[in-house]
N, C-alpha and C. Protein backbone atom coordinates (compact mmCIF):
# COMPACT_ATOMS: atom_id res chain seq x y z
N MET A 1 -52.38 266.80 -18.91
CA MET A 1 -53.20 267.97 -18.70
C MET A 1 -52.99 268.46 -17.27
N ALA A 2 -52.72 269.69 -17.13
CA ALA A 2 -52.59 270.27 -15.79
C ALA A 2 -53.96 270.37 -15.15
N LEU A 3 -53.96 270.62 -13.86
CA LEU A 3 -55.20 270.81 -13.12
C LEU A 3 -55.43 272.30 -12.89
N ILE A 4 -56.64 272.66 -12.53
CA ILE A 4 -56.99 274.05 -12.25
C ILE A 4 -57.89 274.08 -11.02
N ILE A 5 -57.78 275.11 -10.23
CA ILE A 5 -58.66 275.29 -9.07
C ILE A 5 -59.73 276.30 -9.45
N THR A 6 -60.98 275.89 -9.27
CA THR A 6 -62.10 276.76 -9.67
C THR A 6 -62.45 277.74 -8.54
N ASP A 7 -63.35 278.65 -8.85
CA ASP A 7 -63.76 279.65 -7.86
C ASP A 7 -64.64 279.06 -6.76
N GLU A 8 -64.89 277.76 -6.80
CA GLU A 8 -65.58 277.08 -5.71
C GLU A 8 -64.64 276.80 -4.53
N CYS A 9 -63.36 277.10 -4.70
CA CYS A 9 -62.35 276.89 -3.66
C CYS A 9 -62.76 277.64 -2.39
N ILE A 10 -62.64 276.97 -1.24
CA ILE A 10 -62.98 277.59 0.04
C ILE A 10 -61.74 277.95 0.86
N ASN A 11 -60.57 277.92 0.23
CA ASN A 11 -59.31 278.27 0.89
C ASN A 11 -59.08 277.48 2.18
N CYS A 12 -59.31 276.18 2.11
CA CYS A 12 -59.18 275.34 3.30
C CYS A 12 -57.72 274.99 3.62
N ASP A 13 -56.81 275.29 2.71
CA ASP A 13 -55.37 275.09 2.92
C ASP A 13 -54.90 273.64 2.88
N VAL A 14 -55.72 272.69 2.44
CA VAL A 14 -55.25 271.30 2.46
C VAL A 14 -54.52 270.89 1.18
N CYS A 15 -54.76 271.55 0.07
CA CYS A 15 -54.14 271.14 -1.19
C CYS A 15 -52.67 271.54 -1.32
N GLU A 16 -52.35 272.74 -0.89
CA GLU A 16 -51.00 273.28 -1.11
C GLU A 16 -49.89 272.36 -0.58
N PRO A 17 -49.95 271.89 0.66
CA PRO A 17 -48.85 271.04 1.14
C PRO A 17 -48.82 269.66 0.51
N GLU A 18 -49.88 269.26 -0.17
CA GLU A 18 -49.92 267.94 -0.81
C GLU A 18 -49.21 267.90 -2.15
N CYS A 19 -48.98 269.05 -2.75
CA CYS A 19 -48.39 269.09 -4.10
C CYS A 19 -46.89 268.83 -4.05
N PRO A 20 -46.43 267.74 -4.64
CA PRO A 20 -45.01 267.40 -4.60
C PRO A 20 -44.14 268.32 -5.46
N ASN A 21 -44.75 269.06 -6.37
CA ASN A 21 -43.99 269.94 -7.27
C ASN A 21 -44.04 271.40 -6.86
N GLY A 22 -44.77 271.73 -5.81
CA GLY A 22 -44.90 273.13 -5.41
C GLY A 22 -45.69 273.95 -6.40
N ALA A 23 -46.62 273.32 -7.12
CA ALA A 23 -47.39 274.01 -8.15
C ALA A 23 -48.55 274.82 -7.59
N ILE A 24 -48.95 274.56 -6.35
CA ILE A 24 -50.11 275.23 -5.77
C ILE A 24 -49.66 276.35 -4.83
N THR A 25 -50.20 277.54 -5.06
CA THR A 25 -49.89 278.69 -4.21
C THR A 25 -51.17 279.46 -3.92
N GLN A 26 -51.13 280.25 -2.87
CA GLN A 26 -52.28 281.09 -2.53
C GLN A 26 -52.34 282.25 -3.50
N GLY A 27 -53.46 282.40 -4.18
CA GLY A 27 -53.67 283.51 -5.09
C GLY A 27 -54.32 284.67 -4.36
N ILE A 28 -54.80 285.63 -5.09
CA ILE A 28 -55.43 286.81 -4.49
C ILE A 28 -56.70 286.41 -3.74
N GLU A 29 -57.52 285.57 -4.37
CA GLU A 29 -58.78 285.17 -3.73
C GLU A 29 -58.84 283.69 -3.39
N ILE A 30 -58.25 282.84 -4.24
CA ILE A 30 -58.28 281.40 -4.04
C ILE A 30 -56.90 280.83 -4.37
N TYR A 31 -56.72 279.55 -4.05
CA TYR A 31 -55.47 278.90 -4.42
C TYR A 31 -55.40 278.77 -5.93
N GLU A 32 -54.17 278.73 -6.45
CA GLU A 32 -53.95 278.63 -7.89
C GLU A 32 -52.93 277.54 -8.17
N ILE A 33 -53.01 276.97 -9.36
CA ILE A 33 -52.07 275.94 -9.79
C ILE A 33 -51.27 276.47 -10.97
N ASN A 34 -49.95 276.42 -10.85
CA ASN A 34 -49.07 276.82 -11.94
C ASN A 34 -49.00 275.65 -12.92
N PRO A 35 -49.55 275.80 -14.13
CA PRO A 35 -49.56 274.68 -15.07
C PRO A 35 -48.16 274.23 -15.50
N ALA A 36 -47.18 275.11 -15.39
CA ALA A 36 -45.81 274.73 -15.75
C ALA A 36 -45.22 273.75 -14.74
N LEU A 37 -45.78 273.71 -13.53
CA LEU A 37 -45.28 272.81 -12.50
C LEU A 37 -46.21 271.64 -12.20
N CYS A 38 -47.43 271.68 -12.70
CA CYS A 38 -48.41 270.63 -12.41
C CYS A 38 -48.19 269.44 -13.34
N THR A 39 -47.95 268.27 -12.74
CA THR A 39 -47.83 267.03 -13.51
C THR A 39 -48.97 266.07 -13.17
N GLU A 40 -50.00 266.55 -12.48
CA GLU A 40 -51.07 265.70 -11.99
C GLU A 40 -50.50 264.60 -11.09
N CYS A 41 -49.37 264.88 -10.48
CA CYS A 41 -48.63 263.96 -9.60
C CYS A 41 -48.00 262.79 -10.34
N VAL A 42 -48.00 262.83 -11.68
CA VAL A 42 -47.31 261.80 -12.45
C VAL A 42 -45.84 261.83 -12.04
N GLY A 43 -45.30 260.66 -11.78
CA GLY A 43 -43.92 260.54 -11.32
C GLY A 43 -43.81 260.46 -9.81
N HIS A 44 -44.84 260.90 -9.13
CA HIS A 44 -44.84 260.89 -7.67
C HIS A 44 -45.86 259.91 -7.10
N PHE A 45 -47.10 260.00 -7.58
CA PHE A 45 -48.22 259.23 -7.04
C PHE A 45 -49.10 258.69 -8.16
N GLU A 46 -49.94 257.74 -7.83
CA GLU A 46 -50.88 257.16 -8.79
C GLU A 46 -52.03 258.12 -9.11
N THR A 47 -52.39 258.97 -8.15
CA THR A 47 -53.49 259.91 -8.33
C THR A 47 -53.05 261.31 -7.93
N SER A 48 -53.76 262.29 -8.41
CA SER A 48 -53.48 263.69 -8.07
C SER A 48 -53.83 263.92 -6.61
N GLN A 49 -52.84 264.25 -5.81
CA GLN A 49 -53.02 264.38 -4.38
C GLN A 49 -53.93 265.53 -3.98
N CYS A 50 -53.86 266.64 -4.69
CA CYS A 50 -54.74 267.77 -4.37
C CYS A 50 -56.20 267.41 -4.58
N VAL A 51 -56.47 266.67 -5.64
CA VAL A 51 -57.84 266.24 -5.93
C VAL A 51 -58.32 265.30 -4.82
N GLU A 52 -57.43 264.43 -4.36
CA GLU A 52 -57.79 263.47 -3.32
C GLU A 52 -58.21 264.15 -2.01
N VAL A 53 -57.55 265.25 -1.66
CA VAL A 53 -57.82 265.89 -0.36
C VAL A 53 -58.83 267.02 -0.42
N CYS A 54 -59.17 267.50 -1.60
CA CYS A 54 -60.08 268.64 -1.73
C CYS A 54 -61.48 268.29 -1.24
N PRO A 55 -61.97 269.00 -0.23
CA PRO A 55 -63.29 268.68 0.32
C PRO A 55 -64.47 269.17 -0.52
N VAL A 56 -64.21 270.06 -1.49
CA VAL A 56 -65.32 270.58 -2.29
C VAL A 56 -65.22 270.22 -3.77
N ASP A 57 -64.29 269.36 -4.12
CA ASP A 57 -64.13 268.90 -5.50
C ASP A 57 -64.06 270.04 -6.50
N CYS A 58 -63.13 270.97 -6.24
CA CYS A 58 -63.01 272.14 -7.12
C CYS A 58 -61.72 272.11 -7.94
N ILE A 59 -61.15 270.91 -8.17
CA ILE A 59 -59.89 270.83 -8.91
C ILE A 59 -60.05 269.88 -10.10
N PRO A 60 -60.63 270.39 -11.19
CA PRO A 60 -60.76 269.58 -12.40
C PRO A 60 -59.53 269.70 -13.31
N LEU A 61 -59.55 268.92 -14.39
CA LEU A 61 -58.52 269.06 -15.41
C LEU A 61 -58.68 270.42 -16.09
N ASP A 62 -57.56 271.02 -16.45
CA ASP A 62 -57.56 272.34 -17.09
C ASP A 62 -57.60 272.15 -18.61
N PRO A 63 -58.72 272.44 -19.26
CA PRO A 63 -58.81 272.22 -20.71
C PRO A 63 -57.86 273.11 -21.52
N ASP A 64 -57.32 274.15 -20.90
CA ASP A 64 -56.38 275.03 -21.60
C ASP A 64 -54.95 274.49 -21.58
N HIS A 65 -54.72 273.40 -20.85
CA HIS A 65 -53.37 272.83 -20.74
C HIS A 65 -53.42 271.32 -20.91
N VAL A 66 -53.76 270.90 -22.12
CA VAL A 66 -53.88 269.48 -22.44
C VAL A 66 -52.49 268.88 -22.63
N GLU A 67 -52.22 267.79 -21.87
CA GLU A 67 -50.94 267.09 -21.97
C GLU A 67 -51.18 265.59 -21.85
N SER A 68 -50.39 264.82 -22.58
CA SER A 68 -50.47 263.37 -22.49
C SER A 68 -49.70 262.89 -21.27
N GLN A 69 -49.87 261.63 -20.93
CA GLN A 69 -49.12 261.04 -19.81
C GLN A 69 -47.62 261.14 -20.08
N THR A 70 -47.21 260.96 -21.32
CA THR A 70 -45.79 261.07 -21.68
C THR A 70 -45.29 262.49 -21.47
N GLN A 71 -46.07 263.48 -21.87
CA GLN A 71 -45.69 264.87 -21.67
C GLN A 71 -45.61 265.21 -20.19
N LEU A 72 -46.55 264.69 -19.39
CA LEU A 72 -46.52 264.93 -17.95
C LEU A 72 -45.28 264.29 -17.33
N MET A 73 -44.92 263.09 -17.77
CA MET A 73 -43.71 262.43 -17.25
C MET A 73 -42.46 263.21 -17.66
N ASP A 74 -42.43 263.72 -18.88
CA ASP A 74 -41.29 264.54 -19.33
C ASP A 74 -41.18 265.80 -18.47
N LYS A 75 -42.33 266.42 -18.17
CA LYS A 75 -42.33 267.61 -17.32
C LYS A 75 -41.82 267.27 -15.93
N TYR A 76 -42.27 266.14 -15.39
CA TYR A 76 -41.80 265.66 -14.08
C TYR A 76 -40.28 265.55 -14.07
N HIS A 77 -39.71 264.94 -15.11
CA HIS A 77 -38.25 264.78 -15.18
C HIS A 77 -37.54 266.13 -15.25
N ARG A 78 -38.10 267.09 -15.98
CA ARG A 78 -37.50 268.42 -16.04
C ARG A 78 -37.56 269.11 -14.67
N ILE A 79 -38.68 268.97 -13.98
CA ILE A 79 -38.85 269.61 -12.67
C ILE A 79 -37.87 269.04 -11.65
N ILE A 80 -37.76 267.72 -11.58
CA ILE A 80 -36.86 267.14 -10.57
C ILE A 80 -35.39 267.39 -10.91
N ALA A 81 -35.10 267.62 -12.17
CA ALA A 81 -33.71 267.89 -12.57
C ALA A 81 -33.26 269.28 -12.11
N ILE A 82 -34.19 270.23 -11.95
CA ILE A 82 -33.80 271.59 -11.56
C ILE A 82 -34.01 271.87 -10.07
N GLN A 83 -34.63 270.92 -9.34
CA GLN A 83 -34.81 271.12 -7.91
C GLN A 83 -33.48 270.92 -7.20
N PRO A 84 -33.15 271.82 -6.25
CA PRO A 84 -31.89 271.67 -5.52
C PRO A 84 -31.91 270.41 -4.67
N ASP A 85 -30.76 269.76 -4.59
CA ASP A 85 -30.63 268.56 -3.76
C ASP A 85 -30.38 269.00 -2.32
N SER A 86 -31.38 268.91 -1.49
CA SER A 86 -31.28 269.42 -0.11
C SER A 86 -30.27 268.66 0.73
N GLN A 87 -29.91 267.44 0.34
CA GLN A 87 -28.96 266.66 1.13
C GLN A 87 -27.52 267.09 0.90
N ASN A 88 -27.28 267.81 -0.20
CA ASN A 88 -25.91 268.23 -0.49
C ASN A 88 -25.62 269.66 -0.05
N GLN A 89 -26.54 270.28 0.64
CA GLN A 89 -26.32 271.65 1.10
C GLN A 89 -25.61 271.64 2.44
N ASP A 90 -24.71 272.58 2.61
CA ASP A 90 -23.97 272.69 3.88
C ASP A 90 -24.69 273.57 4.86
């Protein structure tokens, strides 16, 4: 299941740099999570990093994007497969 940022977000800027998949971006009014990129940090960390750092607890599971741990791991593998390898760039 992907995560979602609610309208309780205070735009504190701490969640965006914590996302290993680049799923969090600044929206028009609050930060937003792209469900296509959110793996709840599966494949990277034991817990969702944005949830860990959020000072107002405004990042719950998104009921509109239900995914199993297996589906999240599959998404993680797809995401890392398409990310450019920064070490091979000239």
